Amino acid sequence: MSQVSRVQPRPGVQPARALPFDIWGATDKGRQREGNEDSVYPHSGFEASSFVPSPAHLAQQGQLLVVADGVGGSQAGAQASQWAIRVAVEKYYELHGPDRGNDLGAAIEFANASLYQYMQSTGTQEAGCTMAAAVVHNNLLYVANVGDSRVYVIRSRQAVQQTRDHTLTQQKLDSGVISLEEAKTDSGRNVLTRSLGAGETVRVDVFAPLQLAEGDVVLLCSDGLTDMLSDDEITRLVGNNPSRRAARRLIEAANRQGGFDNISVVLARVGAKPSGGGGLLSGLDDAVRRMPAWQKAVVLVGGMLLVVAFCAMVAVGWLMAEQVWTPKTTVTPPTPTPVTTTTGVPPTATAEPTASPSPAPTLVDTATPRPTATPTPTPVPTRLPDQDGDGVPDYRDDCPDEPGLPALDGCPDRDGDGVADRYDRCPDAPGEFEGCPDSDGDGIHDGDDRCPNEPGVPEHGGCPEPPASTKAPKPTVKPTAPPP
């Protein structure tokens, strides 16, 4: 059974024609990480190392865009994200179902199973990745995600998130435990509740298609961007820039804010001509941009001198050509020959047909006639399988054997703190810090506090610093060795 959940569509403005789009994908390790665990598709400038769909693939399935954020350490996370993207892209273009959204969800599910088997065979523990994917086909946008990498549509100077984060903080928001303002600093905002590679199966959120309009920008990104920049800042930096320049501005701005994580973006601007990444002109453009001012001045002066020299050569060549004398030759026209007029032969009359002409063929419409009445829809079962009877169908229940809450994906919450028991470090005591309370209010939850009833400091495991009187005094004189 497919484990794909559906979300209500977001209406858009339907264009009258198929629109081109300008795509650019880039990733940066940031300023704090030693390596880069993120992967993107397409990775502009590195197409040779990625799967390149044929024109037939693009016409049938559209352009696929993917961002994956690896978890589990620099090497394991990078391998996980690269593996998942490669498998998902190749699998998607192998599928030719009637619904591209279903194809996208199926490709991500297949990538999860492949990644899980790969990590089991290599003995890699606690590694995986998030994935945000989108397909642009005939002005329609199909979106799917697992984890906290996001897809936005920027329209009319407003960024609208198209995905839903699978994090502990999102669960708290859905259950009303915290507000939007509190979510910005909540300790669980980077704790994933769903990711690729964590199990043999994964539930993928697949969203109903969205009609794109000219001027829309589709943005896929990892949390390394959204943790550093607000939605308004992202919208301002994208602006009306081509996708390539917008990607560079977003990465540079995130690095200026600290660059605490890897930063990845893939942009598709609808209605714009392709940037043409990786070519000679784009390389020259980058090289010129990196030049210091004095080098740019030298290049400018040299270019002007070349233009002046070329114009001078053209002028000299023109003057020399004007001075060449070509003698004119007088040509005597020939004597015209008298034309003799002859009587033409009259055309032969068209013979009458000896047989009656065949009647004109009758045109028959072979197309399937449209029904004159609305067909009766096939009845849909009113109740889906619900093994534990908690009102959450099994296909979207993360805890199908335990009665739970819809806001927590069908998982129970014994202490009622809005954190599902499977992610709650203190499932029997309500709390805000990974589900644990902070009895003494020192900012260290009881699960990690060695002195949960006394305010303390992290340096002492949550225990108070011992008073100075109990500390052993430091010797003021070095002890001398006893006499022999």
Protein backbone atom coordinates (compact mmCIF):
# COMPACT_ATOMS: atom_id res chain seq x y z
CA MET A 1 0.00 0.00 0.00
CA SER A 2 1.29 3.42 -0.88
CA GLN A 3 2.14 5.64 2.07
CA VAL A 4 1.57 8.95 0.27
CA SER A 5 -0.64 11.57 1.91
CA ARG A 6 -2.33 14.34 -0.04
CA VAL A 7 -2.78 18.02 0.79
CA GLN A 8 -5.34 20.48 -0.63
CA PRO A 9 -4.26 22.29 -3.86
CA ARG A 10 -3.24 25.92 -3.92
CA PRO A 11 -5.00 27.76 -6.79
CA GLY A 12 -2.98 29.79 -9.27
CA VAL A 13 -3.39 31.78 -12.47
CA GLN A 14 -3.53 29.61 -15.58
CA PRO A 15 -1.34 30.93 -18.42
CA ALA A 16 -2.43 30.71 -22.02
CA ARG A 17 0.74 29.02 -23.29
CA ALA A 18 3.58 26.80 -22.15
CA LEU A 19 6.19 28.99 -20.47
CA PRO A 20 9.97 28.55 -20.49
CA PHE A 21 11.87 28.53 -17.22
CA ASP A 22 15.38 29.40 -16.06
CA ILE A 23 16.93 26.86 -13.64
CA TRP A 24 20.01 27.10 -11.44
CA GLY A 25 21.15 24.81 -8.61
CA ALA A 26 24.06 25.39 -6.22
CA THR A 27 25.30 24.20 -2.83
CA ASP A 28 27.86 25.60 -0.37
CA LYS A 29 29.36 24.08 2.78
CA GLY A 30 28.89 27.31 4.76
CA ARG A 31 31.35 28.78 7.24
CA GLN A 32 31.09 26.39 10.18
CA ARG A 33 31.03 22.87 8.69
CA GLU A 34 34.14 21.00 7.56
CA GLY A 35 32.33 19.23 4.71
CA ASN A 36 29.14 19.48 2.69
CA GLU A 37 26.43 16.88 3.36
CA ASP A 38 23.91 18.53 0.97
CA SER A 39 23.23 17.50 -2.62
CA VAL A 40 21.13 19.19 -5.29
CA TYR A 41 19.72 18.30 -8.71
CA PRO A 42 20.45 19.72 -11.14
CA HIS A 43 23.82 20.93 -9.87
CA SER A 44 24.56 23.67 -12.39
CA GLY A 45 28.09 23.48 -13.78
CA PHE A 46 28.40 19.79 -12.86
CA GLU A 47 25.90 18.23 -15.26
CA ALA A 48 28.47 15.68 -16.42
CA SER A 49 28.34 13.93 -13.02
CA SER A 50 24.52 13.84 -12.84
CA PHE A 51 21.80 11.99 -14.68
CA VAL A 52 20.80 14.04 -17.73
CA PRO A 53 17.28 13.27 -18.98
CA SER A 54 16.72 13.08 -22.72
CA PRO A 55 14.36 15.48 -24.55
CA ALA A 56 11.82 12.66 -24.66
CA HIS A 57 12.09 12.25 -20.87
CA LEU A 58 11.57 15.98 -20.32
CA ALA A 59 8.58 16.11 -22.67
CA GLN A 60 6.96 13.15 -20.94
CA GLN A 61 7.85 13.75 -17.27
CA GLY A 62 8.95 17.40 -17.04
CA GLN A 63 11.96 18.94 -15.28
CA LEU A 64 12.78 17.43 -11.88
CA LEU A 65 14.32 19.59 -9.11
CA VAL A 66 15.67 18.08 -5.87
CA VAL A 67 17.43 19.19 -2.66
CA ALA A 68 18.66 16.61 -0.11
CA ASP A 69 20.26 17.40 3.27
CA GLY A 70 22.39 14.55 4.63
CA VAL A 71 22.49 13.59 8.31
CA GLY A 72 24.91 11.35 10.16
CA GLY A 73 28.27 13.10 9.80
CA SER A 74 30.11 14.72 6.92
CA GLN A 75 31.06 11.58 4.99
CA ALA A 76 28.02 9.42 5.78
CA GLY A 77 25.59 12.31 5.29
CA ALA A 78 27.12 13.28 1.94
CA GLN A 79 26.98 9.69 0.71
CA ALA A 80 23.36 9.36 1.83
CA SER A 81 22.16 12.54 0.09
CA GLN A 82 24.05 11.77 -3.13
CA TRP A 83 22.79 8.18 -3.21
CA ALA A 84 19.18 9.20 -2.56
CA ILE A 85 19.15 11.90 -5.26
CA ARG A 86 20.75 9.66 -7.88
CA VAL A 87 18.25 6.83 -7.28
CA ALA A 88 15.22 9.17 -7.06
CA VAL A 89 16.07 11.00 -10.30
CA GLU A 90 16.73 7.85 -12.31
CA LYS A 91 13.62 6.13 -10.95
CA TYR A 92 11.36 9.13 -11.62
CA TYR A 93 12.30 9.26 -15.31
CA GLU A 94 11.70 5.50 -15.61
CA LEU A 95 8.07 5.93 -14.51
CA HIS A 96 5.34 6.94 -16.94
CA GLY A 97 2.19 6.93 -14.83
CA PRO A 98 -0.82 9.16 -15.52
CA ASP A 99 -0.16 11.22 -12.37
CA ARG A 100 3.28 12.82 -12.06
CA GLY A 101 2.67 13.56 -8.40
CA ASN A 102 2.26 9.83 -7.74
CA ASP A 103 5.39 9.15 -9.82
CA LEU A 104 7.31 11.66 -7.71
CA GLY A 105 6.15 10.08 -4.43
CA ALA A 106 6.92 6.59 -5.72
CA ALA A 107 10.44 7.64 -6.78
CA ILE A 108 11.18 9.03 -3.30
CA GLU A 109 9.83 5.88 -1.63
CA PHE A 110 12.04 3.79 -3.91
CA ALA A 111 15.06 5.97 -3.07
CA ASN A 112 14.38 5.46 0.65
CA ALA A 113 14.30 1.67 0.32
CA SER A 114 17.47 1.70 -1.79
CA LEU A 115 19.28 3.99 0.69
CA TYR A 116 18.22 1.83 3.65
CA GLN A 117 19.55 -1.33 1.97
CA TYR A 118 22.77 0.44 1.01
CA MET A 119 23.43 1.61 4.58
CA GLN A 120 22.64 -1.83 5.98
CA SER A 121 25.08 -3.45 3.55
CA THR A 122 27.87 -0.98 4.43
CA GLY A 123 27.22 -1.05 8.18
CA THR A 124 26.50 2.69 8.28
CA GLN A 125 24.54 3.61 11.38
CA GLU A 126 22.29 6.61 12.06
CA ALA A 127 22.70 8.17 8.61
CA GLY A 128 20.11 9.38 6.16
CA CYS A 129 18.84 12.55 4.52
CA THR A 130 15.89 14.82 3.96
CA MET A 131 14.45 15.38 0.48
CA ALA A 132 12.40 18.16 -1.10
CA ALA A 133 11.48 17.53 -4.74
CA ALA A 134 9.46 19.36 -7.39
CA VAL A 135 8.53 18.77 -11.03
CA VAL A 136 7.69 21.51 -13.54
CA HIS A 137 5.68 20.19 -16.49
CA ASN A 138 3.40 22.18 -18.81
CA ASN A 139 3.16 25.06 -16.33
CA LEU A 140 2.14 22.72 -13.49
CA LEU A 141 4.18 22.30 -10.31
CA TYR A 142 4.19 18.97 -8.47
CA VAL A 143 5.77 18.94 -4.96
CA ALA A 144 6.77 16.21 -2.47
CA ASN A 145 8.97 16.16 0.63
CA VAL A 146 10.33 14.19 3.57
CA GLY A 147 12.08 16.07 6.40
CA ASP A 148 12.67 19.80 6.80
CA SER A 149 14.07 20.81 3.39
CA ARG A 150 11.48 23.09 1.80
CA VAL A 151 9.83 24.15 -1.47
CA TYR A 152 8.60 27.75 -1.87
CA VAL A 153 6.73 29.55 -4.64
CA ILE A 154 7.55 33.26 -4.77
CA ARG A 155 4.68 35.16 -6.36
CA SER A 156 3.78 38.87 -6.16
CA ARG A 157 6.75 39.54 -3.84
CA GLN A 158 5.62 36.93 -1.34
CA ALA A 159 7.21 33.55 -0.55
CA VAL A 160 4.64 30.84 0.17
CA GLN A 161 5.92 27.57 1.64
CA GLN A 162 4.53 24.60 -0.30
CA THR A 163 5.81 21.84 2.03
CA ARG A 164 5.30 20.88 5.67
CA ASP A 165 8.33 20.30 7.93
CA HIS A 166 8.65 16.91 9.59
CA THR A 167 10.20 18.14 12.83
CA LEU A 168 9.44 18.02 16.53
CA THR A 169 8.71 21.75 16.48
CA GLN A 170 6.14 21.32 13.70
CA GLN A 171 4.39 18.66 15.78
CA LYS A 172 4.20 21.08 18.71
CA LEU A 173 2.78 23.77 16.42
CA ASP A 174 0.16 21.40 15.02
CA SER A 175 -0.94 20.40 18.51
CA GLY A 176 -1.04 24.01 19.74
CA VAL A 177 1.64 23.56 22.41
CA ILE A 178 3.74 26.48 21.09
CA SER A 179 3.12 29.58 18.99
CA LEU A 180 4.78 30.63 15.73
CA GLU A 181 7.04 33.04 17.61
CA GLU A 182 8.08 30.35 20.07
CA ALA A 183 8.75 27.96 17.20
CA LYS A 184 11.56 30.19 15.92
CA THR A 185 13.68 29.41 19.00
CA ASP A 186 12.24 26.02 19.96
CA SER A 187 14.85 23.36 20.76
CA GLY A 188 13.14 20.78 18.55
CA ARG A 189 13.16 22.69 15.28
CA ASN A 190 16.08 20.60 13.96
CA VAL A 191 14.88 17.27 15.40
CA LEU A 192 13.53 15.28 12.45
CA THR A 193 10.47 13.08 12.86
CA ARG A 194 10.77 11.69 9.33
CA SER A 195 13.75 11.14 7.01
CA LEU A 196 15.04 8.90 4.24
CA GLY A 197 17.07 5.86 5.29
CA ALA A 198 15.62 5.56 8.80
CA GLY A 199 13.56 2.49 7.88
CA GLU A 200 12.56 0.24 5.01
CA THR A 201 9.52 2.44 4.27
CA VAL A 202 8.79 6.13 4.64
CA ARG A 203 5.65 8.22 4.33
CA VAL A 204 6.00 10.91 1.66
CA ASP A 205 3.90 14.07 1.59
CA VAL A 206 2.73 14.64 -2.00
CA PHE A 207 0.90 17.91 -2.68
CA ALA A 208 -1.76 18.57 -5.29
CA PRO A 209 -0.41 20.28 -8.46
CA LEU A 210 -0.19 24.06 -8.56
CA GLN A 211 -0.73 26.08 -11.76
CA LEU A 212 2.29 28.32 -12.35
CA ALA A 213 2.13 31.79 -13.90
CA GLU A 214 4.71 33.95 -15.64
CA GLY A 215 6.97 35.58 -13.08
CA ASP A 216 6.65 32.82 -10.47
CA VAL A 217 9.87 31.54 -8.89
CA VAL A 218 10.08 27.98 -7.55
CA LEU A 219 12.70 27.72 -4.78
CA LEU A 220 13.95 24.49 -3.18
CA CYS A 221 16.34 24.85 -0.23
CA SER A 222 17.86 23.12 2.78
CA ASP A 223 17.45 24.37 6.34
CA GLY A 224 20.90 25.94 6.09
CA LEU A 225 19.17 28.77 4.19
CA THR A 226 15.91 29.07 6.14
CA ASP A 227 17.68 29.00 9.53
CA MET A 228 19.72 32.05 8.48
CA LEU A 229 17.19 34.09 6.45
CA SER A 230 13.53 34.93 6.94
CA ASP A 231 10.95 34.45 4.17
CA ASP A 232 10.88 38.21 3.57
CA GLU A 233 14.68 38.34 3.21
CA ILE A 234 14.60 35.42 0.77
CA THR A 235 11.94 37.17 -1.33
CA ARG A 236 13.94 40.42 -1.39
CA LEU A 237 17.19 38.71 -2.41
CA VAL A 238 15.55 36.72 -5.22
CA GLY A 239 13.78 39.83 -6.58
CA ASN A 240 13.78 39.98 -10.37
CA ASN A 241 17.27 38.48 -10.67
CA PRO A 242 18.02 35.57 -13.00
CA SER A 243 18.11 32.24 -11.19
CA ARG A 244 21.89 32.06 -11.21
CA ARG A 245 22.38 35.48 -9.64
CA ALA A 246 19.56 34.89 -7.14
CA ALA A 247 21.17 31.62 -6.00
CA ARG A 248 24.52 33.35 -5.46
CA ARG A 249 22.90 36.19 -3.49
CA LEU A 250 21.01 33.79 -1.22
CA ILE A 251 24.12 31.73 -0.41
CA GLU A 252 26.25 34.82 0.21
CA ALA A 253 23.60 36.33 2.52
CA ALA A 254 23.27 33.11 4.53
CA ASN A 255 27.04 33.00 4.96
CA ARG A 256 27.07 36.62 6.12
CA GLN A 257 24.54 35.70 8.81
CA GLY A 258 26.89 33.02 10.11
CA GLY A 259 26.65 30.11 7.66
CA PHE A 260 26.23 27.62 10.51
CA ASP A 261 25.10 24.80 8.18
CA ASN A 262 25.47 23.69 4.57
CA ILE A 263 23.43 25.91 2.23
CA SER A 264 21.69 24.55 -0.86
CA VAL A 265 19.27 26.16 -3.32
CA VAL A 266 17.61 25.23 -6.62
CA LEU A 267 15.62 27.96 -8.39
CA ALA A 268 13.34 27.87 -11.43
CA ARG A 269 12.05 31.22 -12.71
CA VAL A 270 8.97 30.76 -14.89
CA GLY A 271 8.82 32.73 -18.11
CA ALA A 272 12.57 33.50 -18.28
CA LYS A 273 15.19 32.33 -20.76
CA PRO A 274 17.70 29.73 -19.48
CA SER A 275 20.86 31.07 -17.91
CA GLY A 276 23.06 28.55 -19.69
CA GLY A 277 25.32 27.59 -16.82
CA GLY A 278 28.80 26.22 -17.31
CA GLY A 279 29.50 27.80 -20.69
CA LEU A 280 32.43 29.94 -21.83
CA LEU A 281 30.58 33.24 -21.48
CA SER A 282 29.35 32.43 -17.98
CA GLY A 283 32.89 31.46 -16.99
CA LEU A 284 34.27 34.73 -18.35
CA ASP A 285 31.53 36.60 -16.49
CA ASP A 286 32.55 34.99 -13.20
CA ALA A 287 36.23 35.65 -13.87
CA VAL A 288 35.61 39.34 -14.55
CA ARG A 289 33.48 39.69 -11.43
CA ARG A 290 36.29 38.29 -9.28
CA MET A 291 38.91 40.70 -10.69
CA PRO A 292 40.09 43.62 -8.57
CA ALA A 293 39.32 47.12 -9.80
CA TRP A 294 42.75 47.77 -11.36
CA GLN A 295 42.54 44.56 -13.42
CA LYS A 296 39.08 45.50 -14.66
CA ALA A 297 40.47 48.91 -15.73
CA VAL A 298 43.32 47.24 -17.65
CA VAL A 299 40.89 44.91 -19.42
CA LEU A 300 38.62 47.85 -20.31
CA VAL A 301 41.47 49.95 -21.75
CA GLY A 302 42.83 46.96 -23.69
CA GLY A 303 39.40 46.28 -25.16
CA MET A 304 39.03 49.90 -26.26
CA LEU A 305 42.46 49.84 -27.95
CA LEU A 306 41.53 46.68 -29.83
CA VAL A 307 38.29 48.28 -31.06
CA VAL A 308 40.16 51.41 -32.25
CA ALA A 309 42.79 49.30 -34.04
CA PHE A 310 40.12 47.24 -35.79
CA CYS A 311 38.24 50.34 -36.94
CA ALA A 312 41.49 51.83 -38.31
CA MET A 313 42.25 48.65 -40.28
CA VAL A 314 38.77 48.69 -41.80
CA ALA A 315 39.14 52.37 -42.82
CA VAL A 316 42.56 51.81 -44.47
CA GLY A 317 41.25 48.81 -46.37
CA TRP A 318 38.28 50.82 -47.65
CA LEU A 319 40.50 53.67 -48.92
CA MET A 320 42.81 51.25 -50.71
CA ALA A 321 39.87 49.58 -52.41
CA GLU A 322 38.56 52.96 -53.65
CA GLN A 323 41.91 53.71 -55.34
CA VAL A 324 41.92 50.59 -57.51
CA TRP A 325 41.05 51.52 -61.17
CA THR A 326 39.11 49.03 -63.21
CA PRO A 327 38.90 49.81 -67.07
CA LYS A 328 35.41 49.73 -68.48
CA THR A 329 34.76 47.54 -71.55
CA THR A 330 32.27 48.73 -74.24
CA VAL A 331 29.98 45.95 -75.30
CA THR A 332 28.19 46.18 -78.69
CA PRO A 333 24.70 44.81 -78.41
CA PRO A 334 23.89 42.06 -80.93
CA THR A 335 21.52 42.70 -83.86
CA PRO A 336 18.08 41.52 -82.88
CA THR A 337 16.72 38.56 -84.84
CA PRO A 338 13.21 39.05 -86.30
CA VAL A 339 10.60 36.94 -84.52
CA THR A 340 8.32 34.79 -86.72
CA THR A 341 4.78 34.46 -85.44
CA THR A 342 3.18 31.06 -85.95
CA THR A 343 -0.39 29.97 -85.43
CA GLY A 344 -0.74 27.97 -82.25
CA VAL A 345 -2.41 24.58 -82.13
CA PRO A 346 -5.70 24.74 -80.26
CA PRO A 347 -5.78 22.68 -77.09
CA THR A 348 -7.51 19.32 -77.18
CA ALA A 349 -10.87 19.40 -75.45
CA THR A 350 -11.15 17.51 -72.21
CA ALA A 351 -12.89 14.19 -72.77
CA GLU A 352 -16.13 13.56 -70.93
CA PRO A 353 -15.95 10.80 -68.32
CA THR A 354 -17.17 7.46 -69.61
CA ALA A 355 -18.45 6.40 -66.17
CA SER A 356 -20.51 8.10 -63.52
CA PRO A 357 -18.36 9.81 -60.94
CA SER A 358 -18.08 8.15 -57.53
CA PRO A 359 -20.11 9.88 -54.83
CA ALA A 360 -18.19 11.95 -52.31
CA PRO A 361 -17.20 9.86 -49.26
CA THR A 362 -19.17 10.44 -46.08
CA LEU A 363 -16.99 11.66 -43.18
CA VAL A 364 -17.41 9.66 -39.97
CA ASP A 365 -16.29 10.96 -36.58
CA THR A 366 -14.30 8.11 -35.00
CA ALA A 367 -13.67 9.95 -31.76
CA THR A 368 -15.34 8.67 -28.62
CA PRO A 369 -18.52 10.72 -28.10
CA ARG A 370 -18.69 12.75 -24.91
CA PRO A 371 -21.32 11.61 -22.42
CA THR A 372 -24.43 13.74 -22.30
CA ALA A 373 -24.82 13.24 -18.56
CA THR A 374 -22.37 13.37 -15.68
CA PRO A 375 -21.23 9.80 -14.96
CA THR A 376 -21.89 8.45 -11.50
CA PRO A 377 -18.58 8.33 -9.59
CA THR A 378 -17.33 5.03 -8.27
CA PRO A 379 -18.24 4.81 -4.60
CA VAL A 380 -15.27 5.35 -2.28
CA PRO A 381 -15.10 3.45 1.01
CA THR A 382 -16.24 5.75 3.77
CA ARG A 383 -13.87 4.19 6.29
CA LEU A 384 -10.21 3.41 5.66
CA PRO A 385 -8.39 0.66 7.58
CA ASP A 386 -7.57 1.86 11.09
CA GLN A 387 -5.94 -0.97 13.00
CA ASP A 388 -5.64 0.82 16.35
CA GLY A 389 -8.96 2.68 16.14
CA ASP A 390 -7.56 6.16 16.81
CA GLY A 391 -9.23 7.78 13.82
CA VAL A 392 -5.98 8.02 11.82
CA PRO A 393 -5.93 5.68 8.76
CA ASP A 394 -3.12 3.15 8.77
CA TYR A 395 -1.64 4.53 5.55
CA ARG A 396 -0.69 7.77 7.34
CA ASP A 397 -0.35 6.45 10.93
CA ASP A 398 3.25 6.47 12.17
CA CYS A 399 2.13 4.30 15.12
CA PRO A 400 -0.48 1.96 13.57
CA ASP A 401 -0.44 -0.42 16.60
CA GLU A 402 -1.01 2.25 19.27
CA PRO A 403 -4.00 4.62 19.59
CA GLY A 404 -2.72 8.16 19.19
CA LEU A 405 -3.58 11.71 18.19
CA PRO A 406 -4.14 12.97 14.60
CA ALA A 407 -1.92 15.99 15.26
CA LEU A 408 0.94 13.62 16.19
CA ASP A 409 0.55 11.42 13.08
CA GLY A 410 -1.37 8.83 15.06
CA CYS A 411 1.19 8.39 17.85
CA PRO A 412 0.30 8.54 21.58
CA ASP A 413 1.33 11.29 23.98
CA ARG A 414 0.91 9.98 27.53
CA ASP A 415 2.01 13.14 29.32
CA GLY A 416 0.09 15.53 27.04
CA ASP A 417 3.02 17.86 26.31
CA GLY A 418 2.54 17.77 22.52
CA VAL A 419 5.59 15.52 21.95
CA ALA A 420 4.87 12.00 20.72
CA ASP A 421 6.11 9.29 23.08
CA ARG A 422 8.46 7.89 20.42
CA TYR A 423 10.37 11.20 20.42
CA ASP A 424 9.80 12.12 24.10
CA ARG A 425 12.82 11.58 26.36
CA CYS A 426 10.50 11.91 29.38
CA PRO A 427 7.21 10.33 28.20
CA ASP A 428 5.71 10.27 31.71
CA ALA A 429 6.47 13.91 32.61
CA PRO A 430 5.23 16.88 30.53
CA GLY A 431 7.97 19.23 29.40
CA GLU A 432 9.15 21.56 26.66
CA PHE A 433 12.77 20.44 26.25
CA GLU A 434 12.59 17.33 24.03
CA GLY A 435 9.51 16.43 26.06
CA CYS A 436 11.28 16.74 29.45
CA PRO A 437 10.46 19.24 32.25
CA ASP A 438 12.87 21.66 33.86
CA SER A 439 11.94 21.44 37.53
CA ASP A 440 14.52 23.91 38.82
CA GLY A 441 14.26 26.40 35.93
CA ASP A 442 17.97 26.48 35.15
CA GLY A 443 17.46 25.91 31.40
CA ILE A 444 18.63 22.27 31.57
CA HIS A 445 15.86 19.71 31.24
CA ASP A 446 15.56 17.00 33.87
CA GLY A 447 16.69 14.31 31.45
CA ASP A 448 20.18 15.85 31.37
CA ASP A 449 20.18 17.60 34.78
CA ARG A 450 22.19 15.79 37.47
CA CYS A 451 20.57 18.04 40.10
CA PRO A 452 17.00 18.47 38.78
CA ASN A 453 15.78 20.15 41.98
CA GLU A 454 18.61 22.70 42.29
CA PRO A 455 19.36 25.49 39.79
CA GLY A 456 22.81 24.95 38.36
CA VAL A 457 25.06 25.58 35.39
CA PRO A 458 25.84 23.40 32.36
CA GLU A 459 29.52 23.17 33.35
CA HIS A 460 28.49 21.18 36.45
CA GLY A 461 25.83 19.04 34.76
CA GLY A 462 23.02 21.26 35.99
CA CYS A 463 24.26 21.27 39.58
CA PRO A 464 25.12 24.46 41.50
CA GLU A 465 28.74 25.53 41.65
CA PRO A 466 30.27 24.53 45.03
CA PRO A 467 30.93 27.52 47.37
CA ALA A 468 34.41 28.93 47.51
CA SER A 469 34.83 27.85 51.18
CA THR A 470 34.61 24.18 50.25
CA LYS A 471 37.26 24.46 47.57
CA ALA A 472 40.72 23.30 48.51
CA PRO A 473 43.05 26.34 48.85
CA LYS A 474 45.83 26.57 46.37
CA PRO A 475 49.32 26.22 47.95
CA THR A 476 51.25 29.46 47.98
CA VAL A 477 54.64 27.79 48.47
CA LYS A 478 55.88 24.78 46.63
CA PRO A 479 56.37 21.83 49.04
CA THR A 480 59.96 20.91 49.70
CA ALA A 481 61.27 17.39 49.74
CA PRO A 482 61.91 15.89 53.26
CA PRO A 483 65.54 15.75 54.44
CA PRO A 484 67.29 12.48 53.76
